[in-house]
Protein backbone atom coordinates (compact mmCIF):
# COMPACT_ATOMS: atom_id res chain seq x y z
CA MET A 1 78.01 157.93 30.01
CA ALA A 2 80.23 160.75 31.12
CA GLY A 3 78.16 161.79 34.17
CA PHE A 4 80.42 160.35 36.86
CA PHE A 5 83.70 161.61 35.42
CA LYS A 6 82.25 165.02 34.59
CA SER A 7 81.23 165.48 38.24
CA LEU A 8 84.70 164.35 39.35
CA LEU A 9 86.39 166.91 37.09
CA HIS A 10 84.02 169.63 38.28
CA LYS A 11 85.05 168.82 41.86
CA ILE A 12 88.76 169.09 40.96
CA SER A 13 88.27 172.34 39.04
CA ASN A 14 86.68 174.01 42.06
CA ARG A 15 89.59 173.29 44.40
CA ALA A 16 92.79 175.23 44.90
CA ASP A 17 94.80 172.03 45.24
CA VAL A 18 94.11 168.38 44.43
CA ASN A 19 93.36 166.20 47.42
CA TRP A 20 95.25 163.05 46.40
CA ASP A 21 93.37 160.73 48.75
CA ASP A 22 90.02 161.96 47.48
CA LEU A 23 91.12 161.70 43.85
CA GLU A 24 92.36 158.15 44.38
CA ALA A 25 89.11 157.14 46.09
CA ASP A 26 87.04 158.75 43.32
CA LEU A 27 88.96 156.98 40.55
CA ILE A 28 88.66 153.62 42.31
CA SER A 29 84.93 154.15 42.79
CA SER A 30 84.63 154.80 39.04
CA ASP A 31 85.43 151.08 38.65
CA LEU A 32 88.89 151.67 37.19
CA GLY A 33 90.35 149.45 39.91
CA ILE A 34 93.27 149.99 42.27
CA HIS A 35 95.93 148.90 39.77
CA LEU A 36 95.03 151.41 37.05
CA THR A 37 94.22 154.16 39.56
CA THR A 38 97.71 153.82 41.09
CA PHE A 39 99.36 154.34 37.69
CA ILE A 40 97.23 157.43 37.03
CA ILE A 41 97.98 158.97 40.44
CA ASP A 42 101.72 158.24 40.10
CA ASP A 43 101.86 159.90 36.68
CA LEU A 44 100.04 162.96 37.97
CA ARG A 45 102.38 163.26 40.97
CA ASP A 46 105.38 162.91 38.64
CA LEU A 47 104.33 166.11 36.87
CA GLY A 48 105.98 167.86 39.84
CA ARG A 49 103.62 170.84 39.81
CA LYS A 50 100.10 171.90 40.67
CA VAL A 51 97.72 169.52 38.91
CA SER A 52 94.70 170.86 36.99
CA ALA A 53 91.49 169.17 35.93
CA GLU A 54 92.89 169.16 32.38
CA ASP A 55 95.93 167.22 33.62
CA VAL A 56 93.66 164.61 35.19
CA VAL A 57 91.72 164.28 31.94
CA GLU A 58 94.82 164.00 29.77
CA VAL A 59 96.64 161.44 31.95
CA THR A 60 93.51 159.36 32.58
CA ARG A 61 92.61 159.33 28.87
CA ARG A 62 96.10 158.17 27.97
CA HIS A 63 95.97 155.31 30.48
CA LEU A 64 92.48 154.28 29.40
CA ALA A 65 93.47 154.25 25.72
CA ASP A 66 96.59 152.22 26.52
CA ARG A 67 94.50 149.60 28.32
CA LEU A 68 91.67 149.26 25.82
CA PRO A 69 91.76 147.07 22.73
CA PRO A 70 91.94 148.47 19.22
CA ASP A 71 88.66 148.72 17.32
CA PHE A 72 87.30 145.37 16.15
CA PRO A 73 85.79 144.94 12.71
CA ALA A 74 82.01 144.55 12.76
CA PRO A 75 80.75 140.95 12.56
CA SER A 76 80.26 140.00 8.93
CA PRO A 77 78.44 137.16 7.15
CA ARG A 78 80.39 133.93 6.83
CA PRO A 79 81.98 133.20 3.45
CA ASP A 80 80.58 129.63 3.46
CA GLY A 81 77.01 130.97 3.52
CA LYS A 82 76.15 129.49 6.92
CA PRO A 83 74.76 131.80 9.63
CA PHE A 84 77.15 133.67 11.89
CA VAL A 85 75.96 132.55 15.34
CA ILE A 86 76.07 134.98 18.27
CA LEU A 87 75.42 133.69 21.80
CA VAL A 88 74.27 136.37 24.26
CA VAL A 89 74.71 135.49 27.94
CA GLY A 90 74.47 137.22 31.31
CA VAL A 91 72.59 137.51 34.58
CA ASN A 92 69.03 138.79 34.82
CA GLY A 93 68.57 142.53 34.89
CA THR A 94 71.56 143.55 32.78
CA GLY A 95 69.51 144.26 29.65
CA LYS A 96 70.34 140.99 27.92
CA THR A 97 67.12 140.47 25.96
CA THR A 98 66.92 144.13 24.97
CA SER A 99 70.57 144.04 23.88
CA SER A 100 69.92 140.95 21.73
CA ALA A 101 67.15 142.81 19.92
CA LYS A 102 69.21 146.00 19.56
CA LEU A 103 72.11 144.00 18.13
CA GLY A 104 69.69 142.44 15.66
CA LEU A 105 68.52 145.88 14.56
CA TRP A 106 72.11 147.13 14.33
CA LEU A 107 72.97 144.25 11.98
CA THR A 108 69.85 144.59 9.81
CA ARG A 109 70.57 148.29 9.33
CA ARG A 110 73.84 147.21 7.77
CA GLY A 111 72.00 145.11 5.24
CA HIS A 112 72.19 141.72 6.98
CA SER A 113 69.36 139.25 7.61
CA VAL A 114 68.91 138.20 11.23
CA VAL A 115 66.99 135.56 13.21
CA LEU A 116 66.51 135.78 16.98
CA ALA A 117 66.24 132.68 19.20
CA ALA A 118 64.21 133.13 22.41
CA ALA A 119 66.19 130.60 24.46
CA ASP A 120 65.31 132.12 27.85
CA THR A 121 62.54 129.54 28.22
CA PHE A 122 62.38 129.63 32.02
CA ARG A 123 60.81 133.07 32.03
CA ALA A 124 57.74 133.38 29.85
CA ALA A 125 58.11 137.15 30.18
CA ALA A 126 61.53 137.00 28.54
CA VAL A 127 60.17 135.14 25.51
CA GLU A 128 57.28 137.61 25.24
CA GLN A 129 59.69 140.52 25.59
CA LEU A 130 61.87 139.27 22.72
CA GLN A 131 58.79 138.58 20.59
CA ARG A 132 57.56 142.14 21.20
CA TRP A 133 60.96 143.45 20.16
CA GLY A 134 60.86 141.21 17.11
CA ASP A 135 57.46 142.57 16.10
CA ARG A 136 58.56 146.14 16.69
CA LEU A 137 61.84 145.82 14.78
CA LYS A 138 60.54 143.38 12.13
CA LEU A 139 62.94 140.63 13.20
CA PRO A 140 61.87 136.96 13.06
CA VAL A 141 61.89 135.23 16.47
CA VAL A 142 62.04 131.45 17.01
CA SER A 143 60.64 130.31 20.36
CA GLY A 144 59.63 127.05 22.03
CA SER A 145 56.99 126.12 24.57
CA THR A 146 57.27 127.31 28.17
CA ASN A 147 60.09 125.50 29.98
CA ALA A 148 61.29 123.97 26.69
CA ASP A 149 64.91 122.91 26.54
CA PRO A 150 66.86 126.07 25.60
CA SER A 151 69.24 123.96 23.52
CA SER A 152 66.35 122.71 21.39
CA VAL A 153 65.18 126.28 20.75
CA CYS A 154 68.70 127.26 19.63
CA PHE A 155 68.88 124.14 17.45
CA SER A 156 65.54 124.90 15.77
CA ALA A 157 66.47 128.55 15.23
CA HIS A 158 69.85 127.54 13.81
CA GLN A 159 68.13 125.08 11.48
CA LYS A 160 65.76 127.80 10.28
CA ALA A 161 68.60 130.27 9.77
CA ILE A 162 70.54 127.71 7.71
CA VAL A 163 67.53 126.81 5.51
CA ASN A 164 66.64 130.47 4.96
CA HIS A 165 70.26 131.49 4.34
CA ASN A 166 70.14 134.11 7.07
CA ASP A 167 73.36 135.98 7.72
CA PHE A 168 73.10 136.01 11.53
CA LEU A 169 71.49 134.04 14.35
CA ILE A 170 71.36 135.71 17.78
CA CYS A 171 70.55 133.38 20.70
CA ASP A 172 69.17 135.15 23.77
CA THR A 173 69.91 132.69 26.58
CA ALA A 174 68.37 132.52 30.06
CA GLY A 175 69.57 135.05 32.57
CA ARG A 176 71.42 133.05 35.18
CA LEU A 177 73.27 133.63 38.38
CA HIS A 178 76.93 133.01 37.74
CA THR A 179 77.01 131.04 41.01
CA ARG A 180 74.50 128.42 39.83
CA HIS A 181 76.51 125.49 38.49
CA ASN A 182 73.62 123.70 36.75
CA LEU A 183 72.63 126.80 34.80
CA MET A 184 76.21 127.42 33.76
CA GLU A 185 76.42 123.81 32.59
CA GLU A 186 73.41 124.50 30.40
CA LEU A 187 75.46 127.03 28.45
CA THR A 188 77.94 124.29 27.63
CA LYS A 189 75.05 122.17 26.34
CA ILE A 190 73.79 125.03 24.14
CA ARG A 191 77.26 125.38 22.64
CA ARG A 192 77.42 121.64 21.90
CA THR A 193 73.97 121.72 20.31
CA LEU A 194 74.84 124.65 18.04
CA ALA A 195 78.00 122.83 16.95
CA LYS A 196 75.94 119.86 15.69
CA GLN A 197 74.90 121.80 12.58
CA ASP A 198 78.08 123.85 12.29
CA GLU A 199 81.12 122.71 14.23
CA THR A 200 82.49 126.26 14.24
CA ALA A 201 79.42 127.72 16.03
CA PRO A 202 78.94 129.79 18.08
CA HIS A 203 81.18 132.35 16.41
CA LEU A 204 80.81 135.14 18.97
CA THR A 205 79.84 134.82 22.64
CA LEU A 206 78.97 138.12 24.29
CA LEU A 207 78.44 138.74 28.01
CA VAL A 208 76.02 141.55 28.83
CA VAL A 209 77.22 143.56 31.83
CA ASP A 210 75.54 146.49 33.53
CA ALA A 211 78.00 149.42 33.77
CA THR A 212 76.53 150.45 37.13
CA THR A 213 77.26 147.14 38.93
CA GLY A 214 81.00 147.62 39.30
CA SER A 215 83.05 144.80 40.81
CA ASN A 216 80.12 142.36 40.61
CA ALA A 217 80.37 142.57 36.81
CA MET A 218 84.00 141.46 37.09
CA GLN A 219 82.97 138.36 39.04
CA GLN A 220 80.25 137.61 36.48
CA ALA A 221 82.80 137.85 33.67
CA LYS A 222 85.18 135.44 35.45
CA GLU A 223 82.51 132.79 36.04
CA PHE A 224 80.85 133.02 32.62
CA HIS A 225 84.24 132.89 30.94
CA LYS A 226 84.91 129.54 32.65
CA ALA A 227 81.58 128.05 31.56
CA SER A 228 81.36 129.52 28.06
CA PRO A 229 84.50 131.20 26.71
CA LEU A 230 83.69 134.85 26.09
CA ASP A 231 84.69 136.84 23.02
CA GLY A 232 83.52 140.19 24.30
CA LEU A 233 81.14 142.34 26.30
CA ILE A 234 77.98 144.28 25.62
CA VAL A 235 78.17 147.07 28.20
CA THR A 236 74.72 148.45 29.03
CA LYS A 237 73.33 151.41 30.99
CA LEU A 238 76.12 153.74 29.95
CA ASP A 239 73.65 156.62 29.84
CA GLY A 240 73.23 158.69 32.96
CA SER A 241 75.04 157.17 35.93
CA GLY A 242 76.88 154.47 34.00
CA LYS A 243 80.59 154.84 34.67
CA GLY A 244 82.09 152.60 32.00
CA GLY A 245 85.24 151.96 34.00
CA ILE A 246 84.36 148.32 34.61
CA ALA A 247 84.74 147.57 30.88
CA ILE A 248 88.34 148.74 31.07
CA THR A 249 89.05 146.74 34.23
CA ILE A 250 87.56 143.54 32.77
CA TYR A 251 89.68 143.89 29.65
CA ASP A 252 92.77 144.78 31.68
CA GLN A 253 92.42 141.72 33.93
CA LEU A 254 90.67 139.11 31.78
CA GLU A 255 91.37 140.31 28.22
CA ILE A 256 87.64 140.19 27.41
CA PRO A 257 87.10 143.28 25.25
CA PRO A 258 84.05 145.54 25.04
CA ARG A 259 82.42 144.93 21.65
CA PHE A 260 79.11 146.83 21.83
CA LEU A 261 77.66 149.58 24.03
CA GLY A 262 74.10 150.23 25.14
CA THR A 263 73.55 153.93 25.80
CA GLY A 264 69.81 154.32 26.33
CA GLU A 265 66.33 152.84 26.13
CA GLU A 266 65.63 153.38 22.44
CA PRO A 267 66.50 150.61 19.95
CA GLU A 268 68.93 152.94 18.18
CA ALA A 269 70.83 153.64 21.42
CA PHE A 270 73.36 150.93 20.64
CA SER A 271 76.77 151.14 19.02
CA ILE A 272 79.88 149.16 18.23
CA PHE A 273 82.82 149.81 20.54
CA GLN A 274 85.34 152.36 19.26
CA ARG A 275 88.26 153.05 21.56
CA GLU A 276 88.77 156.75 20.83
CA THR A 277 85.07 157.58 21.05
CA PHE A 278 84.63 155.54 24.24
CA VAL A 279 87.49 157.31 26.03
CA LYS A 280 86.28 160.76 24.93
CA GLU A 281 82.73 160.05 26.08
CA ILE A 282 83.84 158.80 29.49
CA LEU A 283 86.07 161.84 29.98
């Protein structure tokens, strides 16, 4: 996760003086955005002395912490005994199906029972992928026939979760381009269908964003938020080249907080968002 910022700090440490233009460009390219970068640069200039790499770390950490939400409590089973329904949305290629499975494992390891709904019915490979994850992690998966109505798959899975008194239902929806109106409308239909058996469902809608995609992730968040109000982000690919800055920018501009982080390929490489840890790992 820290790869990009570590290389930036190494660059600063090896210079006699900070090149302000370079530092500004580097911070912007880390997906922190112009607005936040300007505040950081202004604070560093206001120090009125030679700026060290440690100064950059300290000031940047302070600004990041100020612009990130406090830690959220982990999702917990509903007091009425009905399943807590989580809707996972996003474009193809962000790690959506894998994140759905990892979230399921994360919840089961905390003693909760989970059902997965394979509602990405347009791609047979996506259904198979979730079923493989289900087999591997010992998580039940409800799926429909190829090209089945995704809403019907979510409805059936919800029904099963209610009958079996499962704590959580995670619906892995079809990866969709945020520019495709008909696919975005389908999300609205899924929400309506889930509400038929529990008018409060879904209880958490999470957008999966790839930390390496930068400003495109911001546009995805804007469009998905219009079609299906978002409660948070799952930020993936934070290992290696993932910068993480986009999560801060999305929260700063849209108030959609990071809720979970994907930090690697393994099922265990998944964690709940914690502000202090996140800031330390980035810097």
